[in-house]
Each structure stands twice: as structure tokens, then as C-alpha cells.
Amino acid sequence: MRIETSIELACTVDEAWAVLGDFSTYPDWNPLTPRVVGLPEVGSLVTLHVLLAGQKMKRVHRVSRADGTALCWTIEFPVPFLMRGERCQTLTPTQTGCTFRNVEIVEGLVGPMVQLFFGSTIRASLEAVGTNLRDHLVAGPG
């Protein structure tokens, strides 16, 4: 399963990264992952407090990229061929600001079932993350 969303932001990559890379701001704007415990550093374990379709979940992921233009984390179950997942949020400069792209990948035998049962919910949640990030950046902190 691969779900990708994108939205244009009227700010620089650095301005967007200041929010995306600061987990303390997530309760203010991120409806899918309103709390992340850990550091946005490659190799770090982070605990994601996920809210998907009204269900609260806690998942531990490993940061695979955190470089000022992308924040990615992966999860691998004890039996990787069953399921492996990655979410990668990237910022790409444009003429008028930047593009925020959110890609969710679930591989392995479980991937097709996740797509079938949760695909539309995950897409809507990723779109909400982009919209809320955009609105938060326009409104400013506070």
C-alpha cells in the first residue's frame, strides 16, 4: 500500500521545518499524530500517539530521515515479511513557498489488507495533516 498526499504551503522550507521538526507543536496542528515522544534525529526511537478514525494507538518507530527537508520514520514488526511501514513527510521549495508531501507505505503480507480496510481513512488523515499544517503556519504560533 502506498498513499501520497501533497499541499502547497505559503512559507519557506525552513519555516515549515521549524514546525514539522518540533514535536512539541504537534498537539496544535497534527490530528493524526497529536503527540510524538522522542527526538527528530536519525536512528532515534520515537513513540507516536496516533488517532485514526477515533481509535487511539501507540506505536514505536525509528527515525530514518530528519534533515530539514524531510522527516521519515519506519516500523518493522518481528516478522518483517508480514509488515513493514514508513511515513515520510517532505518539504520541497517552490516559486511561492514549498510543497508538503506526506507518503505512507505499508509493505508485506498485511499491506493489501491495510489498504482495503483503512486506505481511505489513512488518506483523509494525511490530507488533514497537510491542511492543518498549512493553516497553522498561516495563523502562526499560539
N, C-alpha and C. Protein backbone atom coordinates (compact mmCIF):
# COMPACT_ATOMS: atom_id res chain seq x y z
N MET A 1 0.83 -1.16 0.00
CA MET A 1 0.00 0.00 0.00
C MET A 1 0.89 1.24 0.00
N ARG A 2 0.52 2.18 -0.83
CA ARG A 2 1.20 3.47 -0.86
C ARG A 2 0.13 4.55 -1.02
N ILE A 3 0.12 5.48 -0.07
CA ILE A 3 -0.80 6.62 -0.14
C ILE A 3 0.04 7.88 -0.06
N GLU A 4 -0.20 8.78 -1.00
CA GLU A 4 0.57 10.03 -1.07
C GLU A 4 -0.38 11.21 -1.17
N THR A 5 -0.12 12.22 -0.36
CA THR A 5 -0.87 13.47 -0.44
C THR A 5 0.12 14.61 -0.51
N SER A 6 -0.32 15.75 -1.01
CA SER A 6 0.55 16.92 -1.01
C SER A 6 -0.31 18.18 -0.95
N ILE A 7 0.31 19.25 -0.47
CA ILE A 7 -0.36 20.53 -0.35
C ILE A 7 0.70 21.63 -0.46
N GLU A 8 0.31 22.73 -1.04
CA GLU A 8 1.21 23.88 -1.17
C GLU A 8 1.15 24.71 0.11
N LEU A 9 2.32 25.11 0.58
CA LEU A 9 2.44 25.96 1.76
C LEU A 9 3.02 27.31 1.35
N ALA A 10 2.48 28.37 1.88
CA ALA A 10 2.95 29.72 1.55
C ALA A 10 4.03 30.15 2.54
N CYS A 11 5.10 29.35 2.61
CA CYS A 11 6.22 29.66 3.50
C CYS A 11 7.45 28.95 2.95
N THR A 12 8.58 29.26 3.54
CA THR A 12 9.82 28.62 3.11
C THR A 12 9.92 27.22 3.72
N VAL A 13 10.81 26.43 3.16
CA VAL A 13 11.08 25.10 3.72
C VAL A 13 11.54 25.25 5.17
N ASP A 14 12.40 26.22 5.46
CA ASP A 14 12.89 26.40 6.83
C ASP A 14 11.76 26.72 7.80
N GLU A 15 10.81 27.56 7.37
CA GLU A 15 9.68 27.92 8.24
C GLU A 15 8.80 26.69 8.50
N ALA A 16 8.56 25.90 7.47
CA ALA A 16 7.75 24.69 7.65
C ALA A 16 8.49 23.67 8.51
N TRP A 17 9.79 23.54 8.29
CA TRP A 17 10.59 22.58 9.07
C TRP A 17 10.59 22.95 10.56
N ALA A 18 10.57 24.24 10.85
CA ALA A 18 10.56 24.68 12.25
C ALA A 18 9.35 24.11 12.99
N VAL A 19 8.26 23.87 12.29
CA VAL A 19 7.07 23.27 12.89
C VAL A 19 7.12 21.74 12.78
N LEU A 20 7.41 21.23 11.60
CA LEU A 20 7.44 19.79 11.37
C LEU A 20 8.47 19.09 12.26
N GLY A 21 9.60 19.71 12.45
CA GLY A 21 10.67 19.12 13.24
C GLY A 21 10.57 19.37 14.74
N ASP A 22 9.53 20.08 15.16
CA ASP A 22 9.34 20.40 16.58
C ASP A 22 8.13 19.64 17.11
N PHE A 23 8.38 18.48 17.70
CA PHE A 23 7.28 17.63 18.15
C PHE A 23 6.39 18.30 19.19
N SER A 24 6.92 19.29 19.90
CA SER A 24 6.11 19.96 20.92
C SER A 24 4.94 20.73 20.33
N THR A 25 4.99 21.05 19.02
CA THR A 25 3.89 21.78 18.38
C THR A 25 2.79 20.86 17.85
N TYR A 26 3.04 19.56 17.80
CA TYR A 26 2.09 18.63 17.16
C TYR A 26 0.67 18.69 17.75
N PRO A 27 0.50 18.85 19.06
CA PRO A 27 -0.88 18.94 19.57
C PRO A 27 -1.65 20.13 18.99
N ASP A 28 -0.93 21.14 18.54
CA ASP A 28 -1.57 22.35 18.00
C ASP A 28 -2.10 22.16 16.58
N TRP A 29 -1.56 21.19 15.83
CA TRP A 29 -1.93 21.12 14.42
C TRP A 29 -2.06 19.71 13.84
N ASN A 30 -1.50 18.70 14.47
CA ASN A 30 -1.45 17.38 13.84
C ASN A 30 -2.56 16.46 14.35
N PRO A 31 -3.64 16.29 13.58
CA PRO A 31 -4.76 15.47 14.05
C PRO A 31 -4.49 13.95 14.01
N LEU A 32 -3.55 13.52 13.21
CA LEU A 32 -3.25 12.09 13.10
C LEU A 32 -2.27 11.65 14.18
N THR A 33 -1.26 12.47 14.43
CA THR A 33 -0.24 12.14 15.43
C THR A 33 -0.08 13.34 16.35
N PRO A 34 -1.04 13.52 17.26
CA PRO A 34 -1.01 14.72 18.09
C PRO A 34 0.08 14.73 19.16
N ARG A 35 0.75 13.60 19.33
CA ARG A 35 1.85 13.57 20.30
C ARG A 35 2.93 12.63 19.80
N VAL A 36 4.15 13.12 19.81
CA VAL A 36 5.31 12.31 19.46
C VAL A 36 6.33 12.50 20.58
N VAL A 37 6.78 11.40 21.15
CA VAL A 37 7.77 11.44 22.22
C VAL A 37 9.08 10.91 21.66
N GLY A 38 10.11 11.72 21.75
CA GLY A 38 11.42 11.36 21.23
C GLY A 38 12.03 12.54 20.52
N LEU A 39 13.10 12.29 19.80
CA LEU A 39 13.81 13.35 19.10
C LEU A 39 13.81 13.11 17.60
N PRO A 40 13.70 14.18 16.81
CA PRO A 40 13.74 14.03 15.35
C PRO A 40 15.18 13.90 14.85
N GLU A 41 15.82 12.79 15.24
CA GLU A 41 17.20 12.53 14.87
C GLU A 41 17.29 11.12 14.28
N VAL A 42 18.01 10.98 13.19
CA VAL A 42 18.13 9.68 12.53
C VAL A 42 18.62 8.63 13.52
N GLY A 43 17.92 7.51 13.52
CA GLY A 43 18.25 6.40 14.41
C GLY A 43 17.50 6.41 15.72
N SER A 44 16.91 7.55 16.09
CA SER A 44 16.17 7.65 17.35
C SER A 44 14.87 6.89 17.28
N LEU A 45 14.49 6.31 18.42
CA LEU A 45 13.17 5.72 18.55
C LEU A 45 12.21 6.81 19.00
N VAL A 46 11.04 6.86 18.35
CA VAL A 46 10.01 7.82 18.73
C VAL A 46 8.72 7.05 18.97
N THR A 47 7.97 7.49 19.97
CA THR A 47 6.68 6.90 20.26
C THR A 47 5.61 7.82 19.68
N LEU A 48 4.84 7.29 18.74
CA LEU A 48 3.78 8.05 18.10
C LEU A 48 2.47 7.73 18.79
N HIS A 49 1.77 8.77 19.22
CA HIS A 49 0.42 8.62 19.76
C HIS A 49 -0.50 8.98 18.61
N VAL A 50 -1.08 7.96 17.99
CA VAL A 50 -1.85 8.10 16.76
C VAL A 50 -3.34 8.11 17.09
N LEU A 51 -4.07 8.96 16.38
CA LEU A 51 -5.53 8.98 16.47
C LEU A 51 -6.06 8.78 15.06
N LEU A 52 -6.55 7.56 14.78
CA LEU A 52 -7.02 7.20 13.44
C LEU A 52 -8.45 6.70 13.54
N ALA A 53 -9.35 7.41 12.91
CA ALA A 53 -10.78 7.05 12.90
C ALA A 53 -11.32 6.86 14.32
N GLY A 54 -10.91 7.76 15.22
CA GLY A 54 -11.40 7.70 16.59
C GLY A 54 -10.69 6.69 17.47
N GLN A 55 -9.79 5.90 16.90
CA GLN A 55 -9.05 4.91 17.66
C GLN A 55 -7.68 5.45 18.06
N LYS A 56 -7.36 5.36 19.34
CA LYS A 56 -6.05 5.78 19.83
C LYS A 56 -5.11 4.59 19.79
N MET A 57 -3.91 4.84 19.24
CA MET A 57 -2.89 3.79 19.15
C MET A 57 -1.55 4.39 19.55
N LYS A 58 -0.69 3.56 20.07
CA LYS A 58 0.67 3.98 20.40
C LYS A 58 1.61 3.07 19.64
N ARG A 59 2.52 3.65 18.85
CA ARG A 59 3.44 2.88 18.03
C ARG A 59 4.86 3.42 18.20
N VAL A 60 5.81 2.53 18.27
CA VAL A 60 7.22 2.94 18.34
C VAL A 60 7.82 2.79 16.94
N HIS A 61 8.41 3.87 16.46
CA HIS A 61 9.05 3.90 15.14
C HIS A 61 10.50 4.36 15.30
N ARG A 62 11.27 4.15 14.26
CA ARG A 62 12.65 4.63 14.23
C ARG A 62 12.74 5.72 13.17
N VAL A 63 13.34 6.85 13.55
CA VAL A 63 13.52 7.95 12.60
C VAL A 63 14.55 7.52 11.57
N SER A 64 14.16 7.57 10.30
CA SER A 64 15.07 7.17 9.22
C SER A 64 15.60 8.36 8.43
N ARG A 65 14.96 9.51 8.60
CA ARG A 65 15.45 10.72 7.93
C ARG A 65 14.93 11.94 8.69
N ALA A 66 15.81 12.88 8.94
CA ALA A 66 15.45 14.14 9.61
C ALA A 66 16.54 15.13 9.26
N ASP A 67 16.33 15.86 8.16
CA ASP A 67 17.43 16.68 7.64
C ASP A 67 17.04 18.10 7.27
N GLY A 68 15.92 18.57 7.76
CA GLY A 68 15.50 19.93 7.42
C GLY A 68 14.63 20.01 6.19
N THR A 69 14.56 18.92 5.43
CA THR A 69 13.66 18.86 4.27
C THR A 69 12.75 17.64 4.32
N ALA A 70 13.03 16.70 5.22
CA ALA A 70 12.20 15.50 5.33
C ALA A 70 12.27 14.94 6.74
N LEU A 71 11.15 14.40 7.16
CA LEU A 71 11.05 13.68 8.42
C LEU A 71 10.38 12.35 8.10
N CYS A 72 11.12 11.27 8.28
CA CYS A 72 10.60 9.94 7.96
C CYS A 72 10.83 9.03 9.15
N TRP A 73 9.87 8.12 9.35
CA TRP A 73 10.04 7.11 10.38
C TRP A 73 9.52 5.78 9.87
N THR A 74 10.12 4.70 10.38
CA THR A 74 9.77 3.37 9.92
C THR A 74 9.38 2.50 11.11
N ILE A 75 8.59 1.48 10.80
CA ILE A 75 8.25 0.46 11.80
C ILE A 75 8.42 -0.89 11.13
N GLU A 76 9.00 -1.80 11.87
CA GLU A 76 9.18 -3.16 11.36
C GLU A 76 8.75 -4.12 12.45
N PHE A 77 7.88 -5.01 12.11
CA PHE A 77 7.40 -5.99 13.06
C PHE A 77 8.43 -7.12 13.17
N PRO A 78 8.34 -7.93 14.23
CA PRO A 78 9.32 -9.00 14.41
C PRO A 78 9.45 -9.92 13.20
N VAL A 79 8.39 -10.05 12.43
CA VAL A 79 8.44 -10.84 11.21
C VAL A 79 8.24 -9.86 10.05
N PRO A 80 9.34 -9.27 9.52
CA PRO A 80 9.24 -8.19 8.55
C PRO A 80 8.43 -8.51 7.29
N PHE A 81 8.40 -9.77 6.85
CA PHE A 81 7.65 -10.06 5.63
C PHE A 81 6.14 -9.90 5.86
N LEU A 82 5.71 -9.89 7.13
CA LEU A 82 4.30 -9.66 7.41
C LEU A 82 3.94 -8.18 7.25
N MET A 83 4.80 -7.31 7.82
CA MET A 83 4.52 -5.88 7.71
C MET A 83 5.76 -5.05 8.01
N ARG A 84 5.92 -4.05 7.18
CA ARG A 84 6.93 -3.01 7.38
C ARG A 84 6.28 -1.73 6.90
N GLY A 85 6.46 -0.66 7.65
CA GLY A 85 5.81 0.59 7.25
C GLY A 85 6.75 1.77 7.34
N GLU A 86 6.45 2.80 6.56
CA GLU A 86 7.20 4.04 6.61
C GLU A 86 6.26 5.20 6.31
N ARG A 87 6.44 6.28 7.06
CA ARG A 87 5.79 7.55 6.72
C ARG A 87 6.91 8.54 6.48
N CYS A 88 6.82 9.22 5.36
CA CYS A 88 7.84 10.20 5.02
C CYS A 88 7.14 11.51 4.67
N GLN A 89 7.50 12.56 5.39
CA GLN A 89 6.94 13.88 5.17
C GLN A 89 8.07 14.76 4.62
N THR A 90 7.89 15.27 3.41
CA THR A 90 8.96 16.02 2.77
C THR A 90 8.51 17.44 2.44
N LEU A 91 9.48 18.32 2.38
CA LEU A 91 9.28 19.72 2.04
C LEU A 91 10.16 20.04 0.83
N THR A 92 9.53 20.55 -0.23
CA THR A 92 10.25 20.87 -1.46
C THR A 92 9.99 22.32 -1.81
N PRO A 93 11.04 23.12 -2.01
CA PRO A 93 10.82 24.53 -2.34
C PRO A 93 10.11 24.71 -3.68
N THR A 94 9.28 25.73 -3.76
CA THR A 94 8.60 26.12 -4.99
C THR A 94 8.81 27.63 -5.19
N GLN A 95 8.28 28.16 -6.28
CA GLN A 95 8.40 29.60 -6.55
C GLN A 95 7.69 30.43 -5.48
N THR A 96 6.61 29.90 -4.92
CA THR A 96 5.79 30.68 -3.99
C THR A 96 5.83 30.18 -2.55
N GLY A 97 6.68 29.24 -2.25
CA GLY A 97 6.75 28.69 -0.90
C GLY A 97 7.37 27.30 -0.93
N CYS A 98 6.57 26.30 -0.56
CA CYS A 98 7.06 24.93 -0.61
C CYS A 98 5.88 23.96 -0.70
N THR A 99 6.19 22.75 -1.11
CA THR A 99 5.20 21.68 -1.15
C THR A 99 5.47 20.74 0.02
N PHE A 100 4.42 20.43 0.75
CA PHE A 100 4.48 19.43 1.82
C PHE A 100 3.87 18.15 1.26
N ARG A 101 4.67 17.10 1.22
CA ARG A 101 4.22 15.80 0.71
C ARG A 101 4.27 14.80 1.86
N ASN A 102 3.22 14.00 1.98
CA ASN A 102 3.12 13.01 3.04
C ASN A 102 2.89 11.66 2.36
N VAL A 103 3.79 10.72 2.56
CA VAL A 103 3.69 9.40 1.92
C VAL A 103 3.67 8.34 3.01
N GLU A 104 2.66 7.50 2.96
CA GLU A 104 2.52 6.37 3.89
C GLU A 104 2.65 5.09 3.07
N ILE A 105 3.59 4.23 3.49
CA ILE A 105 3.81 2.97 2.80
C ILE A 105 3.68 1.84 3.82
N VAL A 106 2.90 0.84 3.47
CA VAL A 106 2.80 -0.38 4.28
C VAL A 106 3.08 -1.54 3.33
N GLU A 107 4.16 -2.27 3.61
CA GLU A 107 4.57 -3.38 2.77
C GLU A 107 4.41 -4.69 3.52
N GLY A 108 4.51 -5.77 2.78
CA GLY A 108 4.40 -7.10 3.37
C GLY A 108 3.01 -7.67 3.15
N LEU A 109 2.78 -8.82 3.71
CA LEU A 109 1.51 -9.52 3.50
C LEU A 109 0.32 -8.73 4.02
N VAL A 110 0.53 -7.89 5.03
CA VAL A 110 -0.57 -7.13 5.63
C VAL A 110 -0.94 -5.90 4.80
N GLY A 111 -0.05 -5.43 3.94
CA GLY A 111 -0.27 -4.22 3.16
C GLY A 111 -1.61 -4.15 2.43
N PRO A 112 -1.97 -5.19 1.66
CA PRO A 112 -3.25 -5.14 0.95
C PRO A 112 -4.47 -5.05 1.88
N MET A 113 -4.38 -5.69 3.04
CA MET A 113 -5.50 -5.60 4.00
C MET A 113 -5.61 -4.20 4.59
N VAL A 114 -4.46 -3.60 4.88
CA VAL A 114 -4.47 -2.23 5.40
C VAL A 114 -5.10 -1.31 4.36
N GLN A 115 -4.72 -1.48 3.10
CA GLN A 115 -5.29 -0.67 2.02
C GLN A 115 -6.80 -0.86 1.94
N LEU A 116 -7.24 -2.09 1.99
CA LEU A 116 -8.66 -2.40 1.84
C LEU A 116 -9.49 -1.82 2.99
N PHE A 117 -9.05 -2.03 4.21
CA PHE A 117 -9.85 -1.64 5.37
C PHE A 117 -9.60 -0.22 5.87
N PHE A 118 -8.39 0.32 5.63
CA PHE A 118 -8.06 1.62 6.21
C PHE A 118 -7.55 2.64 5.20
N GLY A 119 -7.42 2.25 3.93
CA GLY A 119 -6.84 3.14 2.93
C GLY A 119 -7.50 4.50 2.85
N SER A 120 -8.82 4.55 2.74
CA SER A 120 -9.49 5.85 2.61
C SER A 120 -9.38 6.66 3.89
N THR A 121 -9.39 6.01 5.04
CA THR A 121 -9.25 6.70 6.32
C THR A 121 -7.84 7.27 6.46
N ILE A 122 -6.84 6.50 6.07
CA ILE A 122 -5.46 6.98 6.13
C ILE A 122 -5.28 8.16 5.18
N ARG A 123 -5.81 8.07 3.96
CA ARG A 123 -5.70 9.19 3.01
C ARG A 123 -6.34 10.45 3.60
N ALA A 124 -7.52 10.34 4.14
CA ALA A 124 -8.20 11.51 4.72
C ALA A 124 -7.39 12.09 5.88
N SER A 125 -6.79 11.23 6.67
CA SER A 125 -5.98 11.69 7.80
C SER A 125 -4.72 12.40 7.32
N LEU A 126 -4.06 11.86 6.29
CA LEU A 126 -2.86 12.52 5.75
C LEU A 126 -3.22 13.86 5.13
N GLU A 127 -4.37 13.93 4.45
CA GLU A 127 -4.81 15.22 3.90
C GLU A 127 -5.07 16.23 5.01
N ALA A 128 -5.68 15.77 6.11
CA ALA A 128 -5.94 16.66 7.24
C ALA A 128 -4.64 17.17 7.87
N VAL A 129 -3.63 16.32 7.92
CA VAL A 129 -2.33 16.75 8.45
C VAL A 129 -1.79 17.91 7.61
N GLY A 130 -1.83 17.77 6.28
CA GLY A 130 -1.35 18.83 5.40
C GLY A 130 -2.15 20.11 5.54
N THR A 131 -3.46 19.99 5.56
CA THR A 131 -4.33 21.17 5.68
C THR A 131 -4.09 21.87 7.02
N ASN A 132 -4.02 21.09 8.08
CA ASN A 132 -3.80 21.69 9.40
C ASN A 132 -2.42 22.32 9.52
N LEU A 133 -1.41 21.71 8.92
CA LEU A 133 -0.07 22.30 8.92
C LEU A 133 -0.11 23.64 8.19
N ARG A 134 -0.73 23.66 7.03
CA ARG A 134 -0.85 24.91 6.26
C ARG A 134 -1.56 25.98 7.08
N ASP A 135 -2.68 25.63 7.68
CA ASP A 135 -3.44 26.61 8.46
C ASP A 135 -2.67 27.09 9.68
N HIS A 136 -1.95 26.17 10.33
CA HIS A 136 -1.14 26.52 11.50
C HIS A 136 -0.03 27.49 11.13
N LEU A 137 0.60 27.25 9.98
CA LEU A 137 1.67 28.15 9.53
C LEU A 137 1.12 29.54 9.20
N VAL A 138 -0.09 29.60 8.64
CA VAL A 138 -0.70 30.90 8.32
C VAL A 138 -1.07 31.64 9.59
N ALA A 139 -1.63 30.92 10.57
CA ALA A 139 -2.08 31.53 11.81
C ALA A 139 -0.92 31.93 12.72
N GLY A 140 0.18 31.19 12.62
CA GLY A 140 1.32 31.46 13.49
C GLY A 140 1.14 30.80 14.84
N PRO A 141 2.19 30.82 15.66
CA PRO A 141 2.13 30.15 16.95
C PRO A 141 1.10 30.81 17.87
N GLY A 142 0.60 29.97 18.76
CA GLY A 142 -0.31 30.50 19.78
C GLY A 142 -1.66 30.01 19.59
